[in-house]
PDBML (XML) file of the C-alpha atoms, coordinates in Angstrom:
<?xml version="1.0" encoding="UTF-8" ?>
<PDBx:datablock datablockName="MODEL"
   xmlns:PDBx="http://pdbml.pdb.org/schema/pdbx-v50.xsd"
   xmlns:xsi="http://www.w3.org/2001/XMLSchema-instance"
   xsi:schemaLocation="http://pdbml.pdb.org/schema/pdbx-v50.xsd pdbx-v50.xsd">
   <PDBx:atom_siteCategory>
      <PDBx:atom_site id="1">
         <PDBx:B_iso_or_equiv>0.00</PDBx:B_iso_or_equiv>
         <PDBx:Cartn_x>4.006</PDBx:Cartn_x>
         <PDBx:Cartn_y>4.825</PDBx:Cartn_y>
         <PDBx:Cartn_z>-8.134</PDBx:Cartn_z>
         <PDBx:auth_asym_id>A</PDBx:auth_asym_id>
         <PDBx:auth_atom_id>CA</PDBx:auth_atom_id>
         <PDBx:auth_comp_id>GLY</PDBx:auth_comp_id>
         <PDBx:auth_seq_id>1</PDBx:auth_seq_id>
         <PDBx:group_PDB>ATOM</PDBx:group_PDB>
         <PDBx:label_alt_id xsi:nil="true" />
         <PDBx:label_asym_id>A</PDBx:label_asym_id>
         <PDBx:label_atom_id>CA</PDBx:label_atom_id>
         <PDBx:label_comp_id>GLY</PDBx:label_comp_id>
         <PDBx:label_entity_id>1</PDBx:label_entity_id>
         <PDBx:label_seq_id>1</PDBx:label_seq_id>
         <PDBx:occupancy>1.00</PDBx:occupancy>
         <PDBx:pdbx_PDB_model_num>1</PDBx:pdbx_PDB_model_num>
         <PDBx:type_symbol>C</PDBx:type_symbol>
      </PDBx:atom_site>
      <PDBx:atom_site id="2">
         <PDBx:B_iso_or_equiv>0.00</PDBx:B_iso_or_equiv>
         <PDBx:Cartn_x>1.372</PDBx:Cartn_x>
         <PDBx:Cartn_y>7.337</PDBx:Cartn_y>
         <PDBx:Cartn_z>-9.186</PDBx:Cartn_z>
         <PDBx:auth_asym_id>A</PDBx:auth_asym_id>
         <PDBx:auth_atom_id>CA</PDBx:auth_atom_id>
         <PDBx:auth_comp_id>ASP</PDBx:auth_comp_id>
         <PDBx:auth_seq_id>2</PDBx:auth_seq_id>
         <PDBx:group_PDB>ATOM</PDBx:group_PDB>
         <PDBx:label_alt_id xsi:nil="true" />
         <PDBx:label_asym_id>A</PDBx:label_asym_id>
         <PDBx:label_atom_id>CA</PDBx:label_atom_id>
         <PDBx:label_comp_id>ASP</PDBx:label_comp_id>
         <PDBx:label_entity_id>1</PDBx:label_entity_id>
         <PDBx:label_seq_id>2</PDBx:label_seq_id>
         <PDBx:occupancy>1.00</PDBx:occupancy>
         <PDBx:pdbx_PDB_model_num>1</PDBx:pdbx_PDB_model_num>
         <PDBx:type_symbol>C</PDBx:type_symbol>
      </PDBx:atom_site>
      <PDBx:atom_site id="3">
         <PDBx:B_iso_or_equiv>0.00</PDBx:B_iso_or_equiv>
         <PDBx:Cartn_x>2.877</PDBx:Cartn_x>
         <PDBx:Cartn_y>10.507</PDBx:Cartn_y>
         <PDBx:Cartn_z>-10.720</PDBx:Cartn_z>
         <PDBx:auth_asym_id>A</PDBx:auth_asym_id>
         <PDBx:auth_atom_id>CA</PDBx:auth_atom_id>
         <PDBx:auth_comp_id>PRO</PDBx:auth_comp_id>
         <PDBx:auth_seq_id>3</PDBx:auth_seq_id>
         <PDBx:group_PDB>ATOM</PDBx:group_PDB>
         <PDBx:label_alt_id xsi:nil="true" />
         <PDBx:label_asym_id>A</PDBx:label_asym_id>
         <PDBx:label_atom_id>CA</PDBx:label_atom_id>
         <PDBx:label_comp_id>PRO</PDBx:label_comp_id>
         <PDBx:label_entity_id>1</PDBx:label_entity_id>
         <PDBx:label_seq_id>3</PDBx:label_seq_id>
         <PDBx:occupancy>1.00</PDBx:occupancy>
         <PDBx:pdbx_PDB_model_num>1</PDBx:pdbx_PDB_model_num>
         <PDBx:type_symbol>C</PDBx:type_symbol>
      </PDBx:atom_site>
      <PDBx:atom_site id="4">
         <PDBx:B_iso_or_equiv>0.00</PDBx:B_iso_or_equiv>
         <PDBx:Cartn_x>-0.076</PDBx:Cartn_x>
         <PDBx:Cartn_y>12.451</PDBx:Cartn_y>
         <PDBx:Cartn_z>-9.332</PDBx:Cartn_z>
         <PDBx:auth_asym_id>A</PDBx:auth_asym_id>
         <PDBx:auth_atom_id>CA</PDBx:auth_atom_id>
         <PDBx:auth_comp_id>LYS</PDBx:auth_comp_id>
         <PDBx:auth_seq_id>4</PDBx:auth_seq_id>
         <PDBx:group_PDB>ATOM</PDBx:group_PDB>
         <PDBx:label_alt_id xsi:nil="true" />
         <PDBx:label_asym_id>A</PDBx:label_asym_id>
         <PDBx:label_atom_id>CA</PDBx:label_atom_id>
         <PDBx:label_comp_id>LYS</PDBx:label_comp_id>
         <PDBx:label_entity_id>1</PDBx:label_entity_id>
         <PDBx:label_seq_id>4</PDBx:label_seq_id>
         <PDBx:occupancy>1.00</PDBx:occupancy>
         <PDBx:pdbx_PDB_model_num>1</PDBx:pdbx_PDB_model_num>
         <PDBx:type_symbol>C</PDBx:type_symbol>
      </PDBx:atom_site>
      <PDBx:atom_site id="5">
         <PDBx:B_iso_or_equiv>0.00</PDBx:B_iso_or_equiv>
         <PDBx:Cartn_x>0.580</PDBx:Cartn_x>
         <PDBx:Cartn_y>11.043</PDBx:Cartn_y>
         <PDBx:Cartn_z>-5.835</PDBx:Cartn_z>
         <PDBx:auth_asym_id>A</PDBx:auth_asym_id>
         <PDBx:auth_atom_id>CA</PDBx:auth_atom_id>
         <PDBx:auth_comp_id>ASN</PDBx:auth_comp_id>
         <PDBx:auth_seq_id>5</PDBx:auth_seq_id>
         <PDBx:group_PDB>ATOM</PDBx:group_PDB>
         <PDBx:label_alt_id xsi:nil="true" />
         <PDBx:label_asym_id>A</PDBx:label_asym_id>
         <PDBx:label_atom_id>CA</PDBx:label_atom_id>
         <PDBx:label_comp_id>ASN</PDBx:label_comp_id>
         <PDBx:label_entity_id>1</PDBx:label_entity_id>
         <PDBx:label_seq_id>5</PDBx:label_seq_id>
         <PDBx:occupancy>1.00</PDBx:occupancy>
         <PDBx:pdbx_PDB_model_num>1</PDBx:pdbx_PDB_model_num>
         <PDBx:type_symbol>C</PDBx:type_symbol>
      </PDBx:atom_site>
      <PDBx:atom_site id="6">
         <PDBx:B_iso_or_equiv>0.00</PDBx:B_iso_or_equiv>
         <PDBx:Cartn_x>4.246</PDBx:Cartn_x>
         <PDBx:Cartn_y>9.996</PDBx:Cartn_y>
         <PDBx:Cartn_z>-5.605</PDBx:Cartn_z>
         <PDBx:auth_asym_id>A</PDBx:auth_asym_id>
         <PDBx:auth_atom_id>CA</PDBx:auth_atom_id>
         <PDBx:auth_comp_id>PRO</PDBx:auth_comp_id>
         <PDBx:auth_seq_id>6</PDBx:auth_seq_id>
         <PDBx:group_PDB>ATOM</PDBx:group_PDB>
         <PDBx:label_alt_id xsi:nil="true" />
         <PDBx:label_asym_id>A</PDBx:label_asym_id>
         <PDBx:label_atom_id>CA</PDBx:label_atom_id>
         <PDBx:label_comp_id>PRO</PDBx:label_comp_id>
         <PDBx:label_entity_id>1</PDBx:label_entity_id>
         <PDBx:label_seq_id>6</PDBx:label_seq_id>
         <PDBx:occupancy>1.00</PDBx:occupancy>
         <PDBx:pdbx_PDB_model_num>1</PDBx:pdbx_PDB_model_num>
         <PDBx:type_symbol>C</PDBx:type_symbol>
      </PDBx:atom_site>
      <PDBx:atom_site id="7">
         <PDBx:B_iso_or_equiv>0.00</PDBx:B_iso_or_equiv>
         <PDBx:Cartn_x>4.324</PDBx:Cartn_x>
         <PDBx:Cartn_y>9.780</PDBx:Cartn_y>
         <PDBx:Cartn_z>-1.817</PDBx:Cartn_z>
         <PDBx:auth_asym_id>A</PDBx:auth_asym_id>
         <PDBx:auth_atom_id>CA</PDBx:auth_atom_id>
         <PDBx:auth_comp_id>GLU</PDBx:auth_comp_id>
         <PDBx:auth_seq_id>7</PDBx:auth_seq_id>
         <PDBx:group_PDB>ATOM</PDBx:group_PDB>
         <PDBx:label_alt_id xsi:nil="true" />
         <PDBx:label_asym_id>A</PDBx:label_asym_id>
         <PDBx:label_atom_id>CA</PDBx:label_atom_id>
         <PDBx:label_comp_id>GLU</PDBx:label_comp_id>
         <PDBx:label_entity_id>1</PDBx:label_entity_id>
         <PDBx:label_seq_id>7</PDBx:label_seq_id>
         <PDBx:occupancy>1.00</PDBx:occupancy>
         <PDBx:pdbx_PDB_model_num>1</PDBx:pdbx_PDB_model_num>
         <PDBx:type_symbol>C</PDBx:type_symbol>
      </PDBx:atom_site>
      <PDBx:atom_site id="8">
         <PDBx:B_iso_or_equiv>0.00</PDBx:B_iso_or_equiv>
         <PDBx:Cartn_x>5.052</PDBx:Cartn_x>
         <PDBx:Cartn_y>6.408</PDBx:Cartn_y>
         <PDBx:Cartn_z>-0.216</PDBx:Cartn_z>
         <PDBx:auth_asym_id>A</PDBx:auth_asym_id>
         <PDBx:auth_atom_id>CA</PDBx:auth_atom_id>
         <PDBx:auth_comp_id>ASP</PDBx:auth_comp_id>
         <PDBx:auth_seq_id>8</PDBx:auth_seq_id>
         <PDBx:group_PDB>ATOM</PDBx:group_PDB>
         <PDBx:label_alt_id xsi:nil="true" />
         <PDBx:label_asym_id>A</PDBx:label_asym_id>
         <PDBx:label_atom_id>CA</PDBx:label_atom_id>
         <PDBx:label_comp_id>ASP</PDBx:label_comp_id>
         <PDBx:label_entity_id>1</PDBx:label_entity_id>
         <PDBx:label_seq_id>8</PDBx:label_seq_id>
         <PDBx:occupancy>1.00</PDBx:occupancy>
         <PDBx:pdbx_PDB_model_num>1</PDBx:pdbx_PDB_model_num>
         <PDBx:type_symbol>C</PDBx:type_symbol>
      </PDBx:atom_site>
      <PDBx:atom_site id="9">
         <PDBx:B_iso_or_equiv>0.00</PDBx:B_iso_or_equiv>
         <PDBx:Cartn_x>1.944</PDBx:Cartn_x>
         <PDBx:Cartn_y>4.828</PDBx:Cartn_y>
         <PDBx:Cartn_z>1.312</PDBx:Cartn_z>
         <PDBx:auth_asym_id>A</PDBx:auth_asym_id>
         <PDBx:auth_atom_id>CA</PDBx:auth_atom_id>
         <PDBx:auth_comp_id>VAL</PDBx:auth_comp_id>
         <PDBx:auth_seq_id>9</PDBx:auth_seq_id>
         <PDBx:group_PDB>ATOM</PDBx:group_PDB>
         <PDBx:label_alt_id xsi:nil="true" />
         <PDBx:label_asym_id>A</PDBx:label_asym_id>
         <PDBx:label_atom_id>CA</PDBx:label_atom_id>
         <PDBx:label_comp_id>VAL</PDBx:label_comp_id>
         <PDBx:label_entity_id>1</PDBx:label_entity_id>
         <PDBx:label_seq_id>9</PDBx:label_seq_id>
         <PDBx:occupancy>1.00</PDBx:occupancy>
         <PDBx:pdbx_PDB_model_num>1</PDBx:pdbx_PDB_model_num>
         <PDBx:type_symbol>C</PDBx:type_symbol>
      </PDBx:atom_site>
      <PDBx:atom_site id="10">
         <PDBx:B_iso_or_equiv>0.00</PDBx:B_iso_or_equiv>
         <PDBx:Cartn_x>1.859</PDBx:Cartn_x>
         <PDBx:Cartn_y>3.442</PDBx:Cartn_y>
         <PDBx:Cartn_z>4.859</PDBx:Cartn_z>
         <PDBx:auth_asym_id>A</PDBx:auth_asym_id>
         <PDBx:auth_atom_id>CA</PDBx:auth_atom_id>
         <PDBx:auth_comp_id>VAL</PDBx:auth_comp_id>
         <PDBx:auth_seq_id>10</PDBx:auth_seq_id>
         <PDBx:group_PDB>ATOM</PDBx:group_PDB>
         <PDBx:label_alt_id xsi:nil="true" />
         <PDBx:label_asym_id>A</PDBx:label_asym_id>
         <PDBx:label_atom_id>CA</PDBx:label_atom_id>
         <PDBx:label_comp_id>VAL</PDBx:label_comp_id>
         <PDBx:label_entity_id>1</PDBx:label_entity_id>
         <PDBx:label_seq_id>10</PDBx:label_seq_id>
         <PDBx:occupancy>1.00</PDBx:occupancy>
         <PDBx:pdbx_PDB_model_num>1</PDBx:pdbx_PDB_model_num>
         <PDBx:type_symbol>C</PDBx:type_symbol>
      </PDBx:atom_site>
      <PDBx:atom_site id="11">
         <PDBx:B_iso_or_equiv>0.00</PDBx:B_iso_or_equiv>
         <PDBx:Cartn_x>-0.655</PDBx:Cartn_x>
         <PDBx:Cartn_y>0.633</PDBx:Cartn_y>
         <PDBx:Cartn_z>5.239</PDBx:Cartn_z>
         <PDBx:auth_asym_id>A</PDBx:auth_asym_id>
         <PDBx:auth_atom_id>CA</PDBx:auth_atom_id>
         <PDBx:auth_comp_id>GLN</PDBx:auth_comp_id>
         <PDBx:auth_seq_id>11</PDBx:auth_seq_id>
         <PDBx:group_PDB>ATOM</PDBx:group_PDB>
         <PDBx:label_alt_id xsi:nil="true" />
         <PDBx:label_asym_id>A</PDBx:label_asym_id>
         <PDBx:label_atom_id>CA</PDBx:label_atom_id>
         <PDBx:label_comp_id>GLN</PDBx:label_comp_id>
         <PDBx:label_entity_id>1</PDBx:label_entity_id>
         <PDBx:label_seq_id>11</PDBx:label_seq_id>
         <PDBx:occupancy>1.00</PDBx:occupancy>
         <PDBx:pdbx_PDB_model_num>1</PDBx:pdbx_PDB_model_num>
         <PDBx:type_symbol>C</PDBx:type_symbol>
      </PDBx:atom_site>
      <PDBx:atom_site id="12">
         <PDBx:B_iso_or_equiv>0.00</PDBx:B_iso_or_equiv>
         <PDBx:Cartn_x>-3.150</PDBx:Cartn_x>
         <PDBx:Cartn_y>0.140</PDBx:Cartn_y>
         <PDBx:Cartn_z>8.043</PDBx:Cartn_z>
         <PDBx:auth_asym_id>A</PDBx:auth_asym_id>
         <PDBx:auth_atom_id>CA</PDBx:auth_atom_id>
         <PDBx:auth_comp_id>THR</PDBx:auth_comp_id>
         <PDBx:auth_seq_id>12</PDBx:auth_seq_id>
         <PDBx:group_PDB>ATOM</PDBx:group_PDB>
         <PDBx:label_alt_id xsi:nil="true" />
         <PDBx:label_asym_id>A</PDBx:label_asym_id>
         <PDBx:label_atom_id>CA</PDBx:label_atom_id>
         <PDBx:label_comp_id>THR</PDBx:label_comp_id>
         <PDBx:label_entity_id>1</PDBx:label_entity_id>
         <PDBx:label_seq_id>12</PDBx:label_seq_id>
         <PDBx:occupancy>1.00</PDBx:occupancy>
         <PDBx:pdbx_PDB_model_num>1</PDBx:pdbx_PDB_model_num>
         <PDBx:type_symbol>C</PDBx:type_symbol>
      </PDBx:atom_site>
      <PDBx:atom_site id="13">
         <PDBx:B_iso_or_equiv>0.00</PDBx:B_iso_or_equiv>
         <PDBx:Cartn_x>-2.099</PDBx:Cartn_x>
         <PDBx:Cartn_y>-1.576</PDBx:Cartn_y>
         <PDBx:Cartn_z>11.267</PDBx:Cartn_z>
         <PDBx:auth_asym_id>A</PDBx:auth_asym_id>
         <PDBx:auth_atom_id>CA</PDBx:auth_atom_id>
         <PDBx:auth_comp_id>LYS</PDBx:auth_comp_id>
         <PDBx:auth_seq_id>13</PDBx:auth_seq_id>
         <PDBx:group_PDB>ATOM</PDBx:group_PDB>
         <PDBx:label_alt_id xsi:nil="true" />
         <PDBx:label_asym_id>A</PDBx:label_asym_id>
         <PDBx:label_atom_id>CA</PDBx:label_atom_id>
         <PDBx:label_comp_id>LYS</PDBx:label_comp_id>
         <PDBx:label_entity_id>1</PDBx:label_entity_id>
         <PDBx:label_seq_id>13</PDBx:label_seq_id>
         <PDBx:occupancy>1.00</PDBx:occupancy>
         <PDBx:pdbx_PDB_model_num>1</PDBx:pdbx_PDB_model_num>
         <PDBx:type_symbol>C</PDBx:type_symbol>
      </PDBx:atom_site>
      <PDBx:atom_site id="14">
         <PDBx:B_iso_or_equiv>0.00</PDBx:B_iso_or_equiv>
         <PDBx:Cartn_x>-5.628</PDBx:Cartn_x>
         <PDBx:Cartn_y>-2.622</PDBx:Cartn_y>
         <PDBx:Cartn_z>12.139</PDBx:Cartn_z>
         <PDBx:auth_asym_id>A</PDBx:auth_asym_id>
         <PDBx:auth_atom_id>CA</PDBx:auth_atom_id>
         <PDBx:auth_comp_id>THR</PDBx:auth_comp_id>
         <PDBx:auth_seq_id>14</PDBx:auth_seq_id>
         <PDBx:group_PDB>ATOM</PDBx:group_PDB>
         <PDBx:label_alt_id xsi:nil="true" />
         <PDBx:label_asym_id>A</PDBx:label_asym_id>
         <PDBx:label_atom_id>CA</PDBx:label_atom_id>
         <PDBx:label_comp_id>THR</PDBx:label_comp_id>
         <PDBx:label_entity_id>1</PDBx:label_entity_id>
         <PDBx:label_seq_id>14</PDBx:label_seq_id>
         <PDBx:occupancy>1.00</PDBx:occupancy>
         <PDBx:pdbx_PDB_model_num>1</PDBx:pdbx_PDB_model_num>
         <PDBx:type_symbol>C</PDBx:type_symbol>
      </PDBx:atom_site>
      <PDBx:atom_site id="15">
         <PDBx:B_iso_or_equiv>0.00</PDBx:B_iso_or_equiv>
         <PDBx:Cartn_x>-5.537</PDBx:Cartn_x>
         <PDBx:Cartn_y>-6.103</PDBx:Cartn_y>
         <PDBx:Cartn_z>13.615</PDBx:Cartn_z>
         <PDBx:auth_asym_id>A</PDBx:auth_asym_id>
         <PDBx:auth_atom_id>CA</PDBx:auth_atom_id>
         <PDBx:auth_comp_id>ARG</PDBx:auth_comp_id>
         <PDBx:auth_seq_id>15</PDBx:auth_seq_id>
         <PDBx:group_PDB>ATOM</PDBx:group_PDB>
         <PDBx:label_alt_id xsi:nil="true" />
         <PDBx:label_asym_id>A</PDBx:label_asym_id>
         <PDBx:label_atom_id>CA</PDBx:label_atom_id>
         <PDBx:label_comp_id>ARG</PDBx:label_comp_id>
         <PDBx:label_entity_id>1</PDBx:label_entity_id>
         <PDBx:label_seq_id>15</PDBx:label_seq_id>
         <PDBx:occupancy>1.00</PDBx:occupancy>
         <PDBx:pdbx_PDB_model_num>1</PDBx:pdbx_PDB_model_num>
         <PDBx:type_symbol>C</PDBx:type_symbol>
      </PDBx:atom_site>
      <PDBx:atom_site id="16">
         <PDBx:B_iso_or_equiv>0.00</PDBx:B_iso_or_equiv>
         <PDBx:Cartn_x>-6.925</PDBx:Cartn_x>
         <PDBx:Cartn_y>-8.665</PDBx:Cartn_y>
         <PDBx:Cartn_z>11.171</PDBx:Cartn_z>
         <PDBx:auth_asym_id>A</PDBx:auth_asym_id>
         <PDBx:auth_atom_id>CA</PDBx:auth_atom_id>
         <PDBx:auth_comp_id>GLY</PDBx:auth_comp_id>
         <PDBx:auth_seq_id>16</PDBx:auth_seq_id>
         <PDBx:group_PDB>ATOM</PDBx:group_PDB>
         <PDBx:label_alt_id xsi:nil="true" />
         <PDBx:label_asym_id>A</PDBx:label_asym_id>
         <PDBx:label_atom_id>CA</PDBx:label_atom_id>
         <PDBx:label_comp_id>GLY</PDBx:label_comp_id>
         <PDBx:label_entity_id>1</PDBx:label_entity_id>
         <PDBx:label_seq_id>16</PDBx:label_seq_id>
         <PDBx:occupancy>1.00</PDBx:occupancy>
         <PDBx:pdbx_PDB_model_num>1</PDBx:pdbx_PDB_model_num>
         <PDBx:type_symbol>C</PDBx:type_symbol>
      </PDBx:atom_site>
      <PDBx:atom_site id="17">
         <PDBx:B_iso_or_equiv>0.00</PDBx:B_iso_or_equiv>
         <PDBx:Cartn_x>-6.427</PDBx:Cartn_x>
         <PDBx:Cartn_y>-6.446</PDBx:Cartn_y>
         <PDBx:Cartn_z>8.120</PDBx:Cartn_z>
         <PDBx:auth_asym_id>A</PDBx:auth_asym_id>
         <PDBx:auth_atom_id>CA</PDBx:auth_atom_id>
         <PDBx:auth_comp_id>SER</PDBx:auth_comp_id>
         <PDBx:auth_seq_id>17</PDBx:auth_seq_id>
         <PDBx:group_PDB>ATOM</PDBx:group_PDB>
         <PDBx:label_alt_id xsi:nil="true" />
         <PDBx:label_asym_id>A</PDBx:label_asym_id>
         <PDBx:label_atom_id>CA</PDBx:label_atom_id>
         <PDBx:label_comp_id>SER</PDBx:label_comp_id>
         <PDBx:label_entity_id>1</PDBx:label_entity_id>
         <PDBx:label_seq_id>17</PDBx:label_seq_id>
         <PDBx:occupancy>1.00</PDBx:occupancy>
         <PDBx:pdbx_PDB_model_num>1</PDBx:pdbx_PDB_model_num>
         <PDBx:type_symbol>C</PDBx:type_symbol>
      </PDBx:atom_site>
      <PDBx:atom_site id="18">
         <PDBx:B_iso_or_equiv>0.00</PDBx:B_iso_or_equiv>
         <PDBx:Cartn_x>-5.246</PDBx:Cartn_x>
         <PDBx:Cartn_y>-8.209</PDBx:Cartn_y>
         <PDBx:Cartn_z>4.976</PDBx:Cartn_z>
         <PDBx:auth_asym_id>A</PDBx:auth_asym_id>
         <PDBx:auth_atom_id>CA</PDBx:auth_atom_id>
         <PDBx:auth_comp_id>LEU</PDBx:auth_comp_id>
         <PDBx:auth_seq_id>18</PDBx:auth_seq_id>
         <PDBx:group_PDB>ATOM</PDBx:group_PDB>
         <PDBx:label_alt_id xsi:nil="true" />
         <PDBx:label_asym_id>A</PDBx:label_asym_id>
         <PDBx:label_atom_id>CA</PDBx:label_atom_id>
         <PDBx:label_comp_id>LEU</PDBx:label_comp_id>
         <PDBx:label_entity_id>1</PDBx:label_entity_id>
         <PDBx:label_seq_id>18</PDBx:label_seq_id>
         <PDBx:occupancy>1.00</PDBx:occupancy>
         <PDBx:pdbx_PDB_model_num>1</PDBx:pdbx_PDB_model_num>
         <PDBx:type_symbol>C</PDBx:type_symbol>
      </PDBx:atom_site>
      <PDBx:atom_site id="19">
         <PDBx:B_iso_or_equiv>0.00</PDBx:B_iso_or_equiv>
         <PDBx:Cartn_x>-3.051</PDBx:Cartn_x>
         <PDBx:Cartn_y>-6.352</PDBx:Cartn_y>
         <PDBx:Cartn_z>2.491</PDBx:Cartn_z>
         <PDBx:auth_asym_id>A</PDBx:auth_asym_id>
         <PDBx:auth_atom_id>CA</PDBx:auth_atom_id>
         <PDBx:auth_comp_id>ILE</PDBx:auth_comp_id>
         <PDBx:auth_seq_id>19</PDBx:auth_seq_id>
         <PDBx:group_PDB>ATOM</PDBx:group_PDB>
         <PDBx:label_alt_id xsi:nil="true" />
         <PDBx:label_asym_id>A</PDBx:label_asym_id>
         <PDBx:label_atom_id>CA</PDBx:label_atom_id>
         <PDBx:label_comp_id>ILE</PDBx:label_comp_id>
         <PDBx:label_entity_id>1</PDBx:label_entity_id>
         <PDBx:label_seq_id>19</PDBx:label_seq_id>
         <PDBx:occupancy>1.00</PDBx:occupancy>
         <PDBx:pdbx_PDB_model_num>1</PDBx:pdbx_PDB_model_num>
         <PDBx:type_symbol>C</PDBx:type_symbol>
      </PDBx:atom_site>
      <PDBx:atom_site id="20">
         <PDBx:B_iso_or_equiv>0.00</PDBx:B_iso_or_equiv>
         <PDBx:Cartn_x>-3.066</PDBx:Cartn_x>
         <PDBx:Cartn_y>-7.949</PDBx:Cartn_y>
         <PDBx:Cartn_z>-0.990</PDBx:Cartn_z>
         <PDBx:auth_asym_id>A</PDBx:auth_asym_id>
         <PDBx:auth_atom_id>CA</PDBx:auth_atom_id>
         <PDBx:auth_comp_id>VAL</PDBx:auth_comp_id>
         <PDBx:auth_seq_id>20</PDBx:auth_seq_id>
         <PDBx:group_PDB>ATOM</PDBx:group_PDB>
         <PDBx:label_alt_id xsi:nil="true" />
         <PDBx:label_asym_id>A</PDBx:label_asym_id>
         <PDBx:label_atom_id>CA</PDBx:label_atom_id>
         <PDBx:label_comp_id>VAL</PDBx:label_comp_id>
         <PDBx:label_entity_id>1</PDBx:label_entity_id>
         <PDBx:label_seq_id>20</PDBx:label_seq_id>
         <PDBx:occupancy>1.00</PDBx:occupancy>
         <PDBx:pdbx_PDB_model_num>1</PDBx:pdbx_PDB_model_num>
         <PDBx:type_symbol>C</PDBx:type_symbol>
      </PDBx:atom_site>
      <PDBx:atom_site id="21">
         <PDBx:B_iso_or_equiv>0.00</PDBx:B_iso_or_equiv>
         <PDBx:Cartn_x>-0.786</PDBx:Cartn_x>
         <PDBx:Cartn_y>-6.583</PDBx:Cartn_y>
         <PDBx:Cartn_z>-3.694</PDBx:Cartn_z>
         <PDBx:auth_asym_id>A</PDBx:auth_asym_id>
         <PDBx:auth_atom_id>CA</PDBx:auth_atom_id>
         <PDBx:auth_comp_id>PHE</PDBx:auth_comp_id>
         <PDBx:auth_seq_id>21</PDBx:auth_seq_id>
         <PDBx:group_PDB>ATOM</PDBx:group_PDB>
         <PDBx:label_alt_id xsi:nil="true" />
         <PDBx:label_asym_id>A</PDBx:label_asym_id>
         <PDBx:label_atom_id>CA</PDBx:label_atom_id>
         <PDBx:label_comp_id>PHE</PDBx:label_comp_id>
         <PDBx:label_entity_id>1</PDBx:label_entity_id>
         <PDBx:label_seq_id>21</PDBx:label_seq_id>
         <PDBx:occupancy>1.00</PDBx:occupancy>
         <PDBx:pdbx_PDB_model_num>1</PDBx:pdbx_PDB_model_num>
         <PDBx:type_symbol>C</PDBx:type_symbol>
      </PDBx:atom_site>
      <PDBx:atom_site id="22">
         <PDBx:B_iso_or_equiv>0.00</PDBx:B_iso_or_equiv>
         <PDBx:Cartn_x>0.930</PDBx:Cartn_x>
         <PDBx:Cartn_y>-7.261</PDBx:Cartn_y>
         <PDBx:Cartn_z>-6.974</PDBx:Cartn_z>
         <PDBx:auth_asym_id>A</PDBx:auth_asym_id>
         <PDBx:auth_atom_id>CA</PDBx:auth_atom_id>
         <PDBx:auth_comp_id>ASP</PDBx:auth_comp_id>
         <PDBx:auth_seq_id>22</PDBx:auth_seq_id>
         <PDBx:group_PDB>ATOM</PDBx:group_PDB>
         <PDBx:label_alt_id xsi:nil="true" />
         <PDBx:label_asym_id>A</PDBx:label_asym_id>
         <PDBx:label_atom_id>CA</PDBx:label_atom_id>
         <PDBx:label_comp_id>ASP</PDBx:label_comp_id>
         <PDBx:label_entity_id>1</PDBx:label_entity_id>
         <PDBx:label_seq_id>22</PDBx:label_seq_id>
         <PDBx:occupancy>1.00</PDBx:occupancy>
         <PDBx:pdbx_PDB_model_num>1</PDBx:pdbx_PDB_model_num>
         <PDBx:type_symbol>C</PDBx:type_symbol>
      </PDBx:atom_site>
      <PDBx:atom_site id="23">
         <PDBx:B_iso_or_equiv>0.00</PDBx:B_iso_or_equiv>
         <PDBx:Cartn_x>4.168</PDBx:Cartn_x>
         <PDBx:Cartn_y>-9.136</PDBx:Cartn_y>
         <PDBx:Cartn_z>-6.209</PDBx:Cartn_z>
         <PDBx:auth_asym_id>A</PDBx:auth_asym_id>
         <PDBx:auth_atom_id>CA</PDBx:auth_atom_id>
         <PDBx:auth_comp_id>SER</PDBx:auth_comp_id>
         <PDBx:auth_seq_id>23</PDBx:auth_seq_id>
         <PDBx:group_PDB>ATOM</PDBx:group_PDB>
         <PDBx:label_alt_id xsi:nil="true" />
         <PDBx:label_asym_id>A</PDBx:label_asym_id>
         <PDBx:label_atom_id>CA</PDBx:label_atom_id>
         <PDBx:label_comp_id>SER</PDBx:label_comp_id>
         <PDBx:label_entity_id>1</PDBx:label_entity_id>
         <PDBx:label_seq_id>23</PDBx:label_seq_id>
         <PDBx:occupancy>1.00</PDBx:occupancy>
         <PDBx:pdbx_PDB_model_num>1</PDBx:pdbx_PDB_model_num>
         <PDBx:type_symbol>C</PDBx:type_symbol>
      </PDBx:atom_site>
      <PDBx:atom_site id="24">
         <PDBx:B_iso_or_equiv>0.00</PDBx:B_iso_or_equiv>
         <PDBx:Cartn_x>6.110</PDBx:Cartn_x>
         <PDBx:Cartn_y>-6.689</PDBx:Cartn_y>
         <PDBx:Cartn_z>-8.405</PDBx:Cartn_z>
         <PDBx:auth_asym_id>A</PDBx:auth_asym_id>
         <PDBx:auth_atom_id>CA</PDBx:auth_atom_id>
         <PDBx:auth_comp_id>ARG</PDBx:auth_comp_id>
         <PDBx:auth_seq_id>24</PDBx:auth_seq_id>
         <PDBx:group_PDB>ATOM</PDBx:group_PDB>
         <PDBx:label_alt_id xsi:nil="true" />
         <PDBx:label_asym_id>A</PDBx:label_asym_id>
         <PDBx:label_atom_id>CA</PDBx:label_atom_id>
         <PDBx:label_comp_id>ARG</PDBx:label_comp_id>
         <PDBx:label_entity_id>1</PDBx:label_entity_id>
         <PDBx:label_seq_id>24</PDBx:label_seq_id>
         <PDBx:occupancy>1.00</PDBx:occupancy>
         <PDBx:pdbx_PDB_model_num>1</PDBx:pdbx_PDB_model_num>
         <PDBx:type_symbol>C</PDBx:type_symbol>
      </PDBx:atom_site>
      <PDBx:atom_site id="25">
         <PDBx:B_iso_or_equiv>0.00</PDBx:B_iso_or_equiv>
         <PDBx:Cartn_x>5.179</PDBx:Cartn_x>
         <PDBx:Cartn_y>-3.800</PDBx:Cartn_y>
         <PDBx:Cartn_z>-6.114</PDBx:Cartn_z>
         <PDBx:auth_asym_id>A</PDBx:auth_asym_id>
         <PDBx:auth_atom_id>CA</PDBx:auth_atom_id>
         <PDBx:auth_comp_id>GLN</PDBx:auth_comp_id>
         <PDBx:auth_seq_id>25</PDBx:auth_seq_id>
         <PDBx:group_PDB>ATOM</PDBx:group_PDB>
         <PDBx:label_alt_id xsi:nil="true" />
         <PDBx:label_asym_id>A</PDBx:label_asym_id>
         <PDBx:label_atom_id>CA</PDBx:label_atom_id>
         <PDBx:label_comp_id>GLN</PDBx:label_comp_id>
         <PDBx:label_entity_id>1</PDBx:label_entity_id>
         <PDBx:label_seq_id>25</PDBx:label_seq_id>
         <PDBx:occupancy>1.00</PDBx:occupancy>
         <PDBx:pdbx_PDB_model_num>1</PDBx:pdbx_PDB_model_num>
         <PDBx:type_symbol>C</PDBx:type_symbol>
      </PDBx:atom_site>
   </PDBx:atom_siteCategory>
</PDBx:datablock>
């Protein structure tokens, strides 16, 4: 969503990692 970095972002697969994000994302 960043015009300066429009690439899709793959999140970490590290076990136990917690991804928190705006529900509109």
